[in-house]
Amino acid sequence: MRSLATAVFALIILAYSVPASAQALDARFSTPDRLMQWITEYRNKPQPYSVPKAVHAMRDHGLIKNPDKAGLLIGFIAGVLGSNQPKAEKLIKRMFPMPPKEQGVIIRAIAYSGLPEWPMLLSKFEKQMPLRKPLINEFITGKKKTLDEMSVDQGPYVLDTLWGYYAATGYHAPVLRIISALPWSNDVRGTSRFSWSKVRAAFNDEEGRDAVNKISAGYMAKWTLTANAERDRSLLALYKMELKYQPPEVSEPLKEVIDAAEKFEADRVRTHARAAIEKVKAKHPGDAEWTRNTYAGSIAIATGCVVASATGFPGFAVPCVVGGALYSGAVKLWNTAR
């Protein structure tokens, strides 16, 4: 009787422990805050087999309805796949089922992963995404660019995606690409020397609109590099190491980033950046991606904030926890006008 009672007690404990474990797992992704906290801490303790569940949570919270506004999350998924090549196919399989609209996030993550077999993976999973065959074909045929092929001046989406890849891996390469945009924060041609020809070129022709994108990218890079380094001091160490190897046009603004990050002055950098970009917009009120008034994308700050998101309303931010500090509200570089 005693042994039977012991066995029954053990079964009861087992029955209760399994649901408790499942509940504990779900709790990590139960709110956008917790999900972003988990993403922020991921590279310190990778849990690749939990990522498909996190992806489903992104869907449930409405964070990936519009891939164009989910760069950080796409970059994160891509980084997980790219840094887990032997497990990549199995991880992708577990991300299904996924509604056709949100499948675009999986497609982009595979293409951005950097895996040499990414075209094969897209072809293999095409059967599970029949309605997204056009997008899959665009990537495979080269009509759509991979993350490595995109320039950082193409819009905030690229910077977001690079920060997401870093959040998943801790790799330096995505950060170095963002650092490469710093010279554009000096002026429209990436140098501190002024000339009227540069100004005319910047605001009167196609080349000029490209320059407006570049100066915006430069300031956005400066701000995000500073904000992220405030809470991730390993980034600060990377910046200091890179000073030895970067040309003057990069090292000079990088010194400013280091100084601001050490003094925790990201807000000052953001204010200056916002003023500079508003000045550019005033002189050239075009429809360039960086200055479009209807822009409601995301901005990666402290490797974890998704801005203007789930509901689709510009100016609304999904709260996120970064380095123990809660950030909520519209963390945007400039006001969105409607």
C-alpha atoms as a PDB file:
ATOM      1  CA  MET A   1       0.000   0.000   0.000  1.00  0.00           C
ATOM      2  CA  ARG A   2       2.828   2.357   0.860  1.00  0.00           C
ATOM      3  CA  SER A   3       4.509   1.745  -2.515  1.00  0.00           C
ATOM      4  CA  LEU A   4       1.180   2.237  -4.316  1.00  0.00           C
ATOM      5  CA  ALA A   5       0.609   5.541  -2.530  1.00  0.00           C
ATOM      6  CA  THR A   6       4.120   6.626  -3.471  1.00  0.00           C
ATOM      7  CA  ALA A   7       3.483   5.759  -7.114  1.00  0.00           C
ATOM      8  CA  VAL A   8       0.183   7.640  -7.168  1.00  0.00           C
ATOM      9  CA  PHE A   9       1.829  10.676  -5.535  1.00  0.00           C
ATOM     10  CA  ALA A  10       4.597  10.600  -8.168  1.00  0.00           C
ATOM     11  CA  LEU A  11       2.029  10.507 -10.979  1.00  0.00           C
ATOM     12  CA  ILE A  12       0.177  13.467  -9.489  1.00  0.00           C
ATOM     13  CA  ILE A  13       3.409  15.459  -9.240  1.00  0.00           C
ATOM     14  CA  LEU A  14       4.253  14.583 -12.865  1.00  0.00           C
ATOM     15  CA  ALA A  15       0.790  15.560 -14.077  1.00  0.00           C
ATOM     16  CA  TYR A  16       1.054  18.982 -12.483  1.00  0.00           C
ATOM     17  CA  SER A  17       4.699  19.601 -13.371  1.00  0.00           C
ATOM     18  CA  VAL A  18       4.251  19.266 -17.150  1.00  0.00           C
ATOM     19  CA  PRO A  19       1.577  21.962 -17.488  1.00  0.00           C
ATOM     20  CA  ALA A  20       3.557  24.179 -15.121  1.00  0.00           C
ATOM     21  CA  SER A  21       6.599  23.809 -17.328  1.00  0.00           C
ATOM     22  CA  ALA A  22       4.544  24.627 -20.421  1.00  0.00           C
ATOM     23  CA  GLN A  23       3.083  27.655 -18.683  1.00  0.00           C
ATOM     24  CA  ALA A  24       6.566  28.841 -17.734  1.00  0.00           C
ATOM     25  CA  LEU A  25       7.617  28.536 -21.369  1.00  0.00           C
ATOM     26  CA  ASP A  26       4.593  30.501 -22.580  1.00  0.00           C
ATOM     27  CA  ALA A  27       5.202  33.223 -20.012  1.00  0.00           C
ATOM     28  CA  ARG A  28       8.381  34.285 -21.795  1.00  0.00           C
ATOM     29  CA  PHE A  29       6.324  35.402 -24.786  1.00  0.00           C
ATOM     30  CA  SER A  30       2.985  36.239 -23.139  1.00  0.00           C
ATOM     31  CA  THR A  31       3.291  39.990 -23.742  1.00  0.00           C
ATOM     32  CA  PRO A  32       5.262  42.136 -26.221  1.00  0.00           C
ATOM     33  CA  ASP A  33       7.369  43.355 -23.280  1.00  0.00           C
ATOM     34  CA  ARG A  34       8.401  39.846 -22.280  1.00  0.00           C
ATOM     35  CA  LEU A  35       8.968  38.785 -25.856  1.00  0.00           C
ATOM     36  CA  MET A  36      11.273  41.762 -26.482  1.00  0.00           C
ATOM     37  CA  GLN A  37      13.069  41.143 -23.191  1.00  0.00           C
ATOM     38  CA  TRP A  38      13.745  37.584 -24.301  1.00  0.00           C
ATOM     39  CA  ILE A  39      15.016  38.763 -27.701  1.00  0.00           C
ATOM     40  CA  THR A  40      17.258  41.349 -26.065  1.00  0.00           C
ATOM     41  CA  GLU A  41      18.862  38.740 -23.816  1.00  0.00           C
ATOM     42  CA  TYR A  42      18.930  35.971 -26.426  1.00  0.00           C
ATOM     43  CA  ARG A  43      22.513  36.319 -27.659  1.00  0.00           C
ATOM     44  CA  ASN A  44      23.809  35.876 -24.108  1.00  0.00           C
ATOM     45  CA  LYS A  45      22.025  32.546 -23.756  1.00  0.00           C
ATOM     46  CA  PRO A  46      20.872  31.270 -27.195  1.00  0.00           C
ATOM     47  CA  GLN A  47      17.825  29.009 -27.215  1.00  0.00           C
ATOM     48  CA  PRO A  48      17.284  28.319 -30.938  1.00  0.00           C
ATOM     49  CA  TYR A  49      14.611  25.675 -30.429  1.00  0.00           C
ATOM     50  CA  SER A  50      12.455  28.243 -28.595  1.00  0.00           C
ATOM     51  CA  VAL A  51      12.566  30.660 -31.529  1.00  0.00           C
ATOM     52  CA  PRO A  52       9.671  29.092 -33.521  1.00  0.00           C
ATOM     53  CA  LYS A  53       7.453  29.570 -30.454  1.00  0.00           C
ATOM     54  CA  ALA A  54       8.663  33.174 -30.250  1.00  0.00           C
ATOM     55  CA  VAL A  55       7.760  33.640 -33.923  1.00  0.00           C
ATOM     56  CA  HIS A  56       4.228  32.393 -33.233  1.00  0.00           C
ATOM     57  CA  ALA A  57       4.060  34.878 -30.358  1.00  0.00           C
ATOM     58  CA  MET A  58       5.108  37.657 -32.747  1.00  0.00           C
ATOM     59  CA  ARG A  59       2.170  36.642 -34.940  1.00  0.00           C
ATOM     60  CA  ASP A  60      -0.261  36.465 -32.003  1.00  0.00           C
ATOM     61  CA  HIS A  61       0.783  39.925 -30.788  1.00  0.00           C
ATOM     62  CA  GLY A  62       0.324  41.354 -34.293  1.00  0.00           C
ATOM     63  CA  LEU A  63       3.988  42.359 -34.620  1.00  0.00           C
ATOM     64  CA  ILE A  64       4.606  40.845 -38.043  1.00  0.00           C
ATOM     65  CA  LYS A  65       1.475  41.781 -39.972  1.00  0.00           C
ATOM     66  CA  ASN A  66       3.514  44.180 -42.065  1.00  0.00           C
ATOM     67  CA  PRO A  67       7.044  42.909 -42.827  1.00  0.00           C
ATOM     68  CA  ASP A  68       8.117  46.406 -43.861  1.00  0.00           C
ATOM     69  CA  LYS A  69       7.625  47.505 -40.255  1.00  0.00           C
ATOM     70  CA  ALA A  70       9.149  44.417 -38.662  1.00  0.00           C
ATOM     71  CA  GLY A  71      12.793  44.769 -39.673  1.00  0.00           C
ATOM     72  CA  LEU A  72      14.182  44.117 -36.206  1.00  0.00           C
ATOM     73  CA  LEU A  73      12.175  40.923 -35.774  1.00  0.00           C
ATOM     74  CA  ILE A  74      12.995  39.697 -39.279  1.00  0.00           C
ATOM     75  CA  GLY A  75      16.679  40.382 -38.651  1.00  0.00           C
ATOM     76  CA  PHE A  76      16.476  38.476 -35.370  1.00  0.00           C
ATOM     77  CA  ILE A  77      14.922  35.406 -37.012  1.00  0.00           C
ATOM     78  CA  ALA A  78      17.453  35.619 -39.859  1.00  0.00           C
ATOM     79  CA  GLY A  79      20.309  35.784 -37.365  1.00  0.00           C
ATOM     80  CA  VAL A  80      19.055  32.724 -35.515  1.00  0.00           C
ATOM     81  CA  LEU A  81      18.836  30.754 -38.779  1.00  0.00           C
ATOM     82  CA  GLY A  82      22.198  32.000 -40.027  1.00  0.00           C
ATOM     83  CA  SER A  83      23.985  31.058 -36.819  1.00  0.00           C
ATOM     84  CA  ASN A  84      22.362  27.619 -36.602  1.00  0.00           C
ATOM     85  CA  GLN A  85      22.916  26.121 -40.031  1.00  0.00           C
ATOM     86  CA  PRO A  86      22.484  22.441 -39.048  1.00  0.00           C
ATOM     87  CA  LYS A  87      19.210  23.267 -37.273  1.00  0.00           C
ATOM     88  CA  ALA A  88      17.859  25.857 -39.701  1.00  0.00           C
ATOM     89  CA  GLU A  89      15.517  23.624 -41.700  1.00  0.00           C
ATOM     90  CA  LYS A  90      13.994  22.110 -38.573  1.00  0.00           C
ATOM     91  CA  LEU A  91      13.520  25.563 -37.025  1.00  0.00           C
ATOM     92  CA  ILE A  92      11.769  26.877 -40.143  1.00  0.00           C
ATOM     93  CA  LYS A  93       9.459  23.854 -40.222  1.00  0.00           C
ATOM     94  CA  ARG A  94       8.370  24.575 -36.650  1.00  0.00           C
ATOM     95  CA  MET A  95       7.440  28.172 -37.565  1.00  0.00           C
ATOM     96  CA  PHE A  96       4.415  26.823 -39.440  1.00  0.00           C
ATOM     97  CA  PRO A  97       1.478  27.070 -39.625  1.00  0.00           C
ATOM     98  CA  MET A  98       1.615  30.768 -40.391  1.00  0.00           C
ATOM     99  CA  PRO A  99      -1.005  32.905 -42.188  1.00  0.00           C
ATOM    100  CA  PRO A 100      -0.049  33.840 -45.771  1.00  0.00           C
ATOM    101  CA  LYS A 101       0.370  37.523 -44.934  1.00  0.00           C
ATOM    102  CA  GLU A 102       2.838  36.830 -42.111  1.00  0.00           C
ATOM    103  CA  GLN A 103       4.670  34.200 -44.185  1.00  0.00           C
ATOM    104  CA  GLY A 104       6.515  37.104 -45.804  1.00  0.00           C
ATOM    105  CA  VAL A 105       8.494  37.446 -42.569  1.00  0.00           C
ATOM    106  CA  ILE A 106       9.693  33.836 -42.771  1.00  0.00           C
ATOM    107  CA  ILE A 107      10.589  34.250 -46.445  1.00  0.00           C
ATOM    108  CA  ARG A 108      12.654  37.373 -45.773  1.00  0.00           C
ATOM    109  CA  ALA A 109      14.330  35.819 -42.742  1.00  0.00           C
ATOM    110  CA  ILE A 110      15.451  32.841 -44.814  1.00  0.00           C
ATOM    111  CA  ALA A 111      16.748  35.085 -47.612  1.00  0.00           C
ATOM    112  CA  TYR A 112      18.531  37.378 -45.118  1.00  0.00           C
ATOM    113  CA  SER A 113      20.022  34.527 -43.083  1.00  0.00           C
ATOM    114  CA  GLY A 114      23.273  34.435 -45.028  1.00  0.00           C
ATOM    115  CA  LEU A 115      23.049  30.661 -45.299  1.00  0.00           C
ATOM    116  CA  PRO A 116      24.539  29.439 -48.598  1.00  0.00           C
ATOM    117  CA  GLU A 117      21.543  27.154 -49.098  1.00  0.00           C
ATOM    118  CA  TRP A 118      18.871  29.817 -48.559  1.00  0.00           C
ATOM    119  CA  PRO A 119      17.458  29.543 -52.139  1.00  0.00           C
ATOM    120  CA  MET A 120      17.085  25.785 -51.663  1.00  0.00           C
ATOM    121  CA  LEU A 121      15.304  26.337 -48.349  1.00  0.00           C
ATOM    122  CA  LEU A 122      12.871  28.793 -49.934  1.00  0.00           C
ATOM    123  CA  SER A 123      12.134  26.319 -52.734  1.00  0.00           C
ATOM    124  CA  LYS A 124      11.668  23.506 -50.238  1.00  0.00           C
ATOM    125  CA  PHE A 125       9.129  25.405 -48.149  1.00  0.00           C
ATOM    126  CA  GLU A 126       7.278  26.836 -51.154  1.00  0.00           C
ATOM    127  CA  LYS A 127       4.685  24.054 -50.844  1.00  0.00           C
ATOM    128  CA  GLN A 128       3.719  25.382 -47.437  1.00  0.00           C
ATOM    129  CA  MET A 129       3.450  28.920 -48.803  1.00  0.00           C
ATOM    130  CA  PRO A 130       1.737  28.550 -52.215  1.00  0.00           C
ATOM    131  CA  LEU A 131       0.217  32.034 -52.081  1.00  0.00           C
ATOM    132  CA  ARG A 132       3.644  33.581 -51.531  1.00  0.00           C
ATOM    133  CA  LYS A 133       5.262  31.999 -54.575  1.00  0.00           C
ATOM    134  CA  PRO A 134       5.700  35.414 -56.312  1.00  0.00           C
ATOM    135  CA  LEU A 135       7.746  36.771 -53.384  1.00  0.00           C
ATOM    136  CA  ILE A 136       9.796  33.584 -53.168  1.00  0.00           C
ATOM    137  CA  ASN A 137      10.570  33.814 -56.891  1.00  0.00           C
ATOM    138  CA  GLU A 138      11.588  37.467 -56.543  1.00  0.00           C
ATOM    139  CA  PHE A 139      14.226  36.531 -53.999  1.00  0.00           C
ATOM    140  CA  ILE A 140      15.466  33.467 -55.869  1.00  0.00           C
ATOM    141  CA  THR A 141      15.744  35.365 -59.174  1.00  0.00           C
ATOM    142  CA  GLY A 142      17.484  38.322 -57.551  1.00  0.00           C
ATOM    143  CA  LYS A 143      14.690  40.874 -58.049  1.00  0.00           C
ATOM    144  CA  LYS A 144      14.566  41.249 -54.280  1.00  0.00           C
ATOM    145  CA  LYS A 145      17.849  41.901 -52.495  1.00  0.00           C
ATOM    146  CA  THR A 146      19.232  39.967 -49.574  1.00  0.00           C
ATOM    147  CA  LEU A 147      20.357  41.797 -46.433  1.00  0.00           C
ATOM    148  CA  ASP A 148      23.990  41.656 -47.558  1.00  0.00           C
ATOM    149  CA  GLU A 149      23.019  43.303 -50.849  1.00  0.00           C
ATOM    150  CA  MET A 150      20.979  46.153 -49.380  1.00  0.00           C
ATOM    151  CA  SER A 151      22.591  49.520 -48.690  1.00  0.00           C
ATOM    152  CA  VAL A 152      22.123  51.075 -45.258  1.00  0.00           C
ATOM    153  CA  ASP A 153      20.799  54.255 -46.887  1.00  0.00           C
ATOM    154  CA  GLN A 154      17.733  52.457 -48.285  1.00  0.00           C
ATOM    155  CA  GLY A 155      15.634  53.230 -45.232  1.00  0.00           C
ATOM    156  CA  PRO A 156      15.239  52.582 -41.497  1.00  0.00           C
ATOM    157  CA  TYR A 157      14.174  49.028 -42.317  1.00  0.00           C
ATOM    158  CA  VAL A 158      17.755  48.062 -43.170  1.00  0.00           C
ATOM    159  CA  LEU A 159      19.187  49.467 -39.938  1.00  0.00           C
ATOM    160  CA  ASP A 160      16.438  47.741 -37.949  1.00  0.00           C
ATOM    161  CA  THR A 161      17.186  44.432 -39.637  1.00  0.00           C
ATOM    162  CA  LEU A 162      20.922  44.717 -39.008  1.00  0.00           C
ATOM    163  CA  TRP A 163      20.299  45.421 -35.309  1.00  0.00           C
ATOM    164  CA  GLY A 164      17.970  42.413 -35.192  1.00  0.00           C
ATOM    165  CA  TYR A 165      20.675  40.185 -36.663  1.00  0.00           C
ATOM    166  CA  TYR A 166      23.094  41.468 -34.032  1.00  0.00           C
ATOM    167  CA  ALA A 167      20.536  40.802 -31.270  1.00  0.00           C
ATOM    168  CA  ALA A 168      20.360  37.159 -32.345  1.00  0.00           C
ATOM    169  CA  THR A 169      24.058  36.539 -32.814  1.00  0.00           C
ATOM    170  CA  GLY A 170      26.261  39.178 -31.214  1.00  0.00           C
ATOM    171  CA  TYR A 171      28.179  39.198 -34.522  1.00  0.00           C
ATOM    172  CA  HIS A 172      30.153  42.355 -35.254  1.00  0.00           C
ATOM    173  CA  ALA A 173      29.513  42.411 -39.013  1.00  0.00           C
ATOM    174  CA  PRO A 174      25.993  43.975 -38.852  1.00  0.00           C
ATOM    175  CA  VAL A 175      27.250  46.664 -36.464  1.00  0.00           C
ATOM    176  CA  LEU A 176      30.226  47.451 -38.703  1.00  0.00           C
ATOM    177  CA  ARG A 177      27.840  47.998 -41.600  1.00  0.00           C
ATOM    178  CA  ILE A 178      25.916  50.519 -39.504  1.00  0.00           C
ATOM    179  CA  ILE A 179      29.193  52.200 -38.509  1.00  0.00           C
ATOM    180  CA  SER A 180      30.020  52.558 -42.213  1.00  0.00           C
ATOM    181  CA  ALA A 181      27.100  55.009 -42.541  1.00  0.00           C
ATOM    182  CA  LEU A 182      28.533  57.474 -40.013  1.00  0.00           C
ATOM    183  CA  PRO A 183      30.378  59.681 -42.561  1.00  0.00           C
ATOM    184  CA  TRP A 184      27.005  60.611 -44.040  1.00  0.00           C
ATOM    185  CA  SER A 185      26.173  62.456 -40.806  1.00  0.00           C
ATOM    186  CA  ASN A 186      28.814  65.098 -41.656  1.00  0.00           C
ATOM    187  CA  ASP A 187      27.044  66.437 -44.722  1.00  0.00           C
ATOM    188  CA  VAL A 188      25.281  65.241 -47.827  1.00  0.00           C
ATOM    189  CA  ARG A 189      28.480  63.975 -49.405  1.00  0.00           C
ATOM    190  CA  GLY A 190      30.023  62.354 -46.352  1.00  0.00           C
ATOM    191  CA  THR A 191      32.711  64.970 -45.831  1.00  0.00           C
ATOM    192  CA  SER A 192      32.934  68.092 -43.726  1.00  0.00           C
ATOM    193  CA  ARG A 193      33.928  70.305 -46.665  1.00  0.00           C
ATOM    194  CA  PHE A 194      31.183  72.622 -47.830  1.00  0.00           C
ATOM    195  CA  SER A 195      30.393  73.701 -51.364  1.00  0.00           C
ATOM    196  CA  TRP A 196      27.332  75.173 -53.071  1.00  0.00           C
ATOM    197  CA  SER A 197      27.557  72.517 -55.757  1.00  0.00           C
ATOM    198  CA  LYS A 198      26.974  69.884 -53.075  1.00  0.00           C
ATOM    199  CA  VAL A 199      23.934  71.738 -51.814  1.00  0.00           C
ATOM    200  CA  ARG A 200      22.491  72.103 -55.304  1.00  0.00           C
ATOM    201  CA  ALA A 201      23.130  68.453 -56.004  1.00  0.00           C
ATOM    202  CA  ALA A 202      21.591  67.463 -52.696  1.00  0.00           C
ATOM    203  CA  PHE A 203      18.278  69.160 -53.232  1.00  0.00           C
ATOM    204  CA  ASN A 204      17.655  69.488 -56.975  1.00  0.00           C
ATOM    205  CA  ASP A 205      18.075  66.110 -58.670  1.00  0.00           C
ATOM    206  CA  GLU A 206      17.953  62.348 -58.347  1.00  0.00           C
ATOM    207  CA  GLU A 207      21.490  62.256 -57.015  1.00  0.00           C
ATOM    208  CA  GLY A 208      20.420  64.863 -54.487  1.00  0.00           C
ATOM    209  CA  ARG A 209      17.507  62.785 -53.250  1.00  0.00           C
ATOM    210  CA  ASP A 210      19.942  59.927 -52.806  1.00  0.00           C
ATOM    211  CA  ALA A 211      22.110  62.266 -50.735  1.00  0.00           C
ATOM    212  CA  VAL A 212      19.129  63.161 -48.535  1.00  0.00           C
ATOM    213  CA  ASN A 213      18.704  59.462 -47.835  1.00  0.00           C
ATOM    214  CA  LYS A 214      22.372  59.205 -46.964  1.00  0.00           C
ATOM    215  CA  ILE A 215      22.443  62.087 -44.509  1.00  0.00           C
ATOM    216  CA  SER A 216      19.341  60.669 -42.818  1.00  0.00           C
ATOM    217  CA  ALA A 217      20.966  57.243 -42.641  1.00  0.00           C
ATOM    218  CA  GLY A 218      24.102  58.764 -41.177  1.00  0.00           C
ATOM    219  CA  TYR A 219      22.245  60.498 -38.358  1.00  0.00           C
ATOM    220  CA  MET A 220      20.040  57.485 -37.667  1.00  0.00           C
ATOM    221  CA  ALA A 221      23.151  55.297 -37.476  1.00  0.00           C
ATOM    222  CA  LYS A 222      24.780  57.750 -35.082  1.00  0.00           C
ATOM    223  CA  TRP A 223      21.811  57.733 -32.763  1.00  0.00           C
ATOM    224  CA  THR A 224      21.183  53.976 -32.724  1.00  0.00           C
ATOM    225  CA  LEU A 225      24.882  53.208 -32.249  1.00  0.00           C
ATOM    226  CA  THR A 226      24.918  55.537 -29.249  1.00  0.00           C
ATOM    227  CA  ALA A 227      21.644  54.321 -27.731  1.00  0.00           C
ATOM    228  CA  ASN A 228      22.575  50.671 -28.051  1.00  0.00           C
ATOM    229  CA  ALA A 229      26.052  51.169 -26.583  1.00  0.00           C
ATOM    230  CA  GLU A 230      24.545  52.848 -23.520  1.00  0.00           C
ATOM    231  CA  ARG A 231      23.053  49.495 -22.544  1.00  0.00           C
ATOM    232  CA  ASP A 232      25.431  47.087 -24.235  1.00  0.00           C
ATOM    233  CA  ARG A 233      28.965  48.008 -23.184  1.00  0.00           C
ATOM    234  CA  SER A 234      30.460  45.292 -25.374  1.00  0.00           C
ATOM    235  CA  LEU A 235      29.421  47.505 -28.283  1.00  0.00           C
ATOM    236  CA  LEU A 236      31.398  50.373 -26.788  1.00  0.00           C
ATOM    237  CA  ALA A 237      34.469  48.136 -26.666  1.00  0.00           C
ATOM    238  CA  LEU A 238      33.917  47.261 -30.333  1.00  0.00           C
ATOM    239  CA  TYR A 239      33.672  50.934 -31.309  1.00  0.00           C
ATOM    240  CA  LYS A 240      36.949  51.721 -29.527  1.00  0.00           C
ATOM    241  CA  MET A 241      38.699  48.821 -31.205  1.00  0.00           C
ATOM    242  CA  GLU A 242      37.448  49.933 -34.624  1.00  0.00           C
ATOM    243  CA  LEU A 243      38.954  53.413 -34.186  1.00  0.00           C
ATOM    244  CA  LYS A 244      42.343  51.899 -35.024  1.00  0.00           C
ATOM    245  CA  TYR A 245      41.186  50.510 -38.344  1.00  0.00           C
ATOM    246  CA  GLN A 246      38.650  52.981 -39.692  1.00  0.00           C
ATOM    247  CA  PRO A 247      39.518  55.873 -42.043  1.00  0.00           C
ATOM    248  CA  PRO A 248      39.244  59.433 -40.656  1.00  0.00           C
ATOM    249  CA  GLU A 249      35.800  60.038 -42.183  1.00  0.00           C
ATOM    250  CA  VAL A 250      34.493  57.144 -40.069  1.00  0.00           C
ATOM    251  CA  SER A 251      36.677  57.430 -36.968  1.00  0.00           C
ATOM    252  CA  GLU A 252      35.804  61.077 -36.311  1.00  0.00           C
ATOM    253  CA  PRO A 253      32.016  60.610 -35.988  1.00  0.00           C
ATOM    254  CA  LEU A 254      32.674  57.285 -34.252  1.00  0.00           C
ATOM    255  CA  LYS A 255      34.616  59.167 -31.556  1.00  0.00           C
ATOM    256  CA  GLU A 256      31.536  61.328 -31.063  1.00  0.00           C
ATOM    257  CA  VAL A 257      29.406  58.200 -30.671  1.00  0.00           C
ATOM    258  CA  ILE A 258      31.820  56.776 -28.100  1.00  0.00           C
ATOM    259  CA  ASP A 259      31.909  60.019 -26.138  1.00  0.00           C
ATOM    260  CA  ALA A 260      28.104  60.316 -26.113  1.00  0.00           C
ATOM    261  CA  ALA A 261      27.625  56.664 -25.134  1.00  0.00           C
ATOM    262  CA  GLU A 262      30.113  56.947 -22.267  1.00  0.00           C
ATOM    263  CA  LYS A 263      28.225  59.994 -20.968  1.00  0.00           C
ATOM    264  CA  PHE A 264      24.806  58.396 -21.587  1.00  0.00           C
ATOM    265  CA  GLU A 265      23.811  61.217 -23.939  1.00  0.00           C
ATOM    266  CA  ALA A 266      21.841  59.296 -26.552  1.00  0.00           C
ATOM    267  CA  ASP A 267      18.918  61.685 -26.052  1.00  0.00           C
ATOM    268  CA  ARG A 268      21.154  64.616 -27.011  1.00  0.00           C
ATOM    269  CA  VAL A 269      22.314  62.758 -30.125  1.00  0.00           C
ATOM    270  CA  ARG A 270      18.716  61.983 -31.033  1.00  0.00           C
ATOM    271  CA  THR A 271      17.675  65.616 -30.613  1.00  0.00           C
ATOM    272  CA  HIS A 272      20.532  66.791 -32.814  1.00  0.00           C
ATOM    273  CA  ALA A 273      19.794  64.109 -35.388  1.00  0.00           C
ATOM    274  CA  ARG A 274      16.118  64.958 -35.468  1.00  0.00           C
ATOM    275  CA  ALA A 275      16.872  68.653 -35.999  1.00  0.00           C
ATOM    276  CA  ALA A 276      19.305  67.881 -38.812  1.00  0.00           C
ATOM    277  CA  ILE A 277      16.843  65.600 -40.596  1.00  0.00           C
ATOM    278  CA  GLU A 278      14.015  68.122 -40.209  1.00  0.00           C
ATOM    279  CA  LYS A 279      16.291  70.703 -41.809  1.00  0.00           C
ATOM    280  CA  VAL A 280      16.897  68.379 -44.738  1.00  0.00           C
ATOM    281  CA  LYS A 281      13.164  67.720 -45.066  1.00  0.00           C
ATOM    282  CA  ALA A 282      12.408  71.434 -45.095  1.00  0.00           C
ATOM    283  CA  LYS A 283      14.837  72.026 -47.959  1.00  0.00           C
ATOM    284  CA  HIS A 284      13.759  68.960 -49.882  1.00  0.00           C
ATOM    285  CA  PRO A 285      10.155  67.904 -49.076  1.00  0.00           C
ATOM    286  CA  GLY A 286      10.265  64.984 -51.479  1.00  0.00           C
ATOM    287  CA  ASP A 287       8.977  61.465 -51.132  1.00  0.00           C
ATOM    288  CA  ALA A 288      12.289  59.762 -50.396  1.00  0.00           C
ATOM    289  CA  GLU A 289      11.868  56.729 -48.157  1.00  0.00           C
ATOM    290  CA  TRP A 290      13.696  58.354 -45.267  1.00  0.00           C
ATOM    291  CA  THR A 291      11.636  61.560 -45.270  1.00  0.00           C
ATOM    292  CA  ARG A 292       8.195  60.379 -46.315  1.00  0.00           C
ATOM    293  CA  ASN A 293       5.604  61.817 -43.930  1.00  0.00           C
ATOM    294  CA  THR A 294       3.532  58.662 -43.915  1.00  0.00           C
ATOM    295  CA  TYR A 295       6.459  56.567 -42.754  1.00  0.00           C
ATOM    296  CA  ALA A 296       5.488  54.459 -39.757  1.00  0.00           C
ATOM    297  CA  GLY A 297       8.233  51.904 -39.530  1.00  0.00           C
ATOM    298  CA  SER A 298      10.329  50.711 -36.649  1.00  0.00           C
ATOM    299  CA  ILE A 299      13.545  52.008 -35.168  1.00  0.00           C
ATOM    300  CA  ALA A 300      15.946  49.734 -33.365  1.00  0.00           C
ATOM    301  CA  ILE A 301      16.937  51.272 -30.074  1.00  0.00           C
ATOM    302  CA  ALA A 302      18.880  49.342 -27.477  1.00  0.00           C
ATOM    303  CA  THR A 303      18.508  46.266 -29.700  1.00  0.00           C
ATOM    304  CA  GLY A 304      14.909  45.851 -28.879  1.00  0.00           C
ATOM    305  CA  CYS A 305      12.186  48.452 -29.413  1.00  0.00           C
ATOM    306  CA  VAL A 306       9.628  48.037 -32.172  1.00  0.00           C
ATOM    307  CA  VAL A 307       8.002  51.349 -32.970  1.00  0.00           C
ATOM    308  CA  ALA A 308       4.674  52.063 -34.556  1.00  0.00           C
ATOM    309  CA  SER A 309       3.564  48.578 -34.780  1.00  0.00           C
ATOM    310  CA  ALA A 310       0.867  46.086 -34.078  1.00  0.00           C
ATOM    311  CA  THR A 311      -2.166  48.256 -34.588  1.00  0.00           C
ATOM    312  CA  GLY A 312      -0.769  50.012 -37.631  1.00  0.00           C
ATOM    313  CA  PHE A 313      -1.190  53.452 -36.107  1.00  0.00           C
ATOM    314  CA  PRO A 314       1.797  55.743 -36.709  1.00  0.00           C
ATOM    315  CA  GLY A 315       3.279  56.966 -33.478  1.00  0.00           C
ATOM    316  CA  PHE A 316       2.184  53.975 -31.415  1.00  0.00           C
ATOM    317  CA  ALA A 317       5.014  51.962 -29.916  1.00  0.00           C
ATOM    318  CA  VAL A 318       4.964  48.450 -28.624  1.00  0.00           C
ATOM    319  CA  PRO A 319       6.519  48.673 -25.153  1.00  0.00           C
ATOM    320  CA  CYS A 320       9.718  46.741 -24.729  1.00  0.00           C
ATOM    321  CA  VAL A 321      12.107  45.980 -21.964  1.00  0.00           C
ATOM    322  CA  VAL A 322      15.758  46.621 -22.676  1.00  0.00           C
ATOM    323  CA  GLY A 323      18.586  46.168 -20.222  1.00  0.00           C
ATOM    324  CA  GLY A 324      16.198  46.366 -17.306  1.00  0.00           C
ATOM    325  CA  ALA A 325      14.653  49.653 -18.434  1.00  0.00           C
ATOM    326  CA  LEU A 326      11.143  49.871 -19.849  1.00  0.00           C
ATOM    327  CA  TYR A 327      10.751  51.900 -23.008  1.00  0.00           C
ATOM    328  CA  SER A 328       7.288  52.742 -24.281  1.00  0.00           C
ATOM    329  CA  GLY A 329       5.722  55.465 -26.315  1.00  0.00           C
ATOM    330  CA  ALA A 330       6.797  56.739 -29.707  1.00  0.00           C
ATOM    331  CA  VAL A 331      10.554  56.441 -29.747  1.00  0.00           C
ATOM    332  CA  LYS A 332      10.895  58.075 -33.162  1.00  0.00           C
ATOM    333  CA  LEU A 333      13.546  60.185 -34.711  1.00  0.00           C
ATOM    334  CA  TRP A 334      11.027  62.637 -36.096  1.00  0.00           C
ATOM    335  CA  ASN A 335       7.295  63.238 -35.713  1.00  0.00           C
ATOM    336  CA  THR A 336       5.033  61.380 -38.087  1.00  0.00           C
ATOM    337  CA  ALA A 337       2.570  63.634 -39.862  1.00  0.00           C
ATOM    338  CA  ARG A 338      -0.652  62.316 -41.323  1.00  0.00           C
END
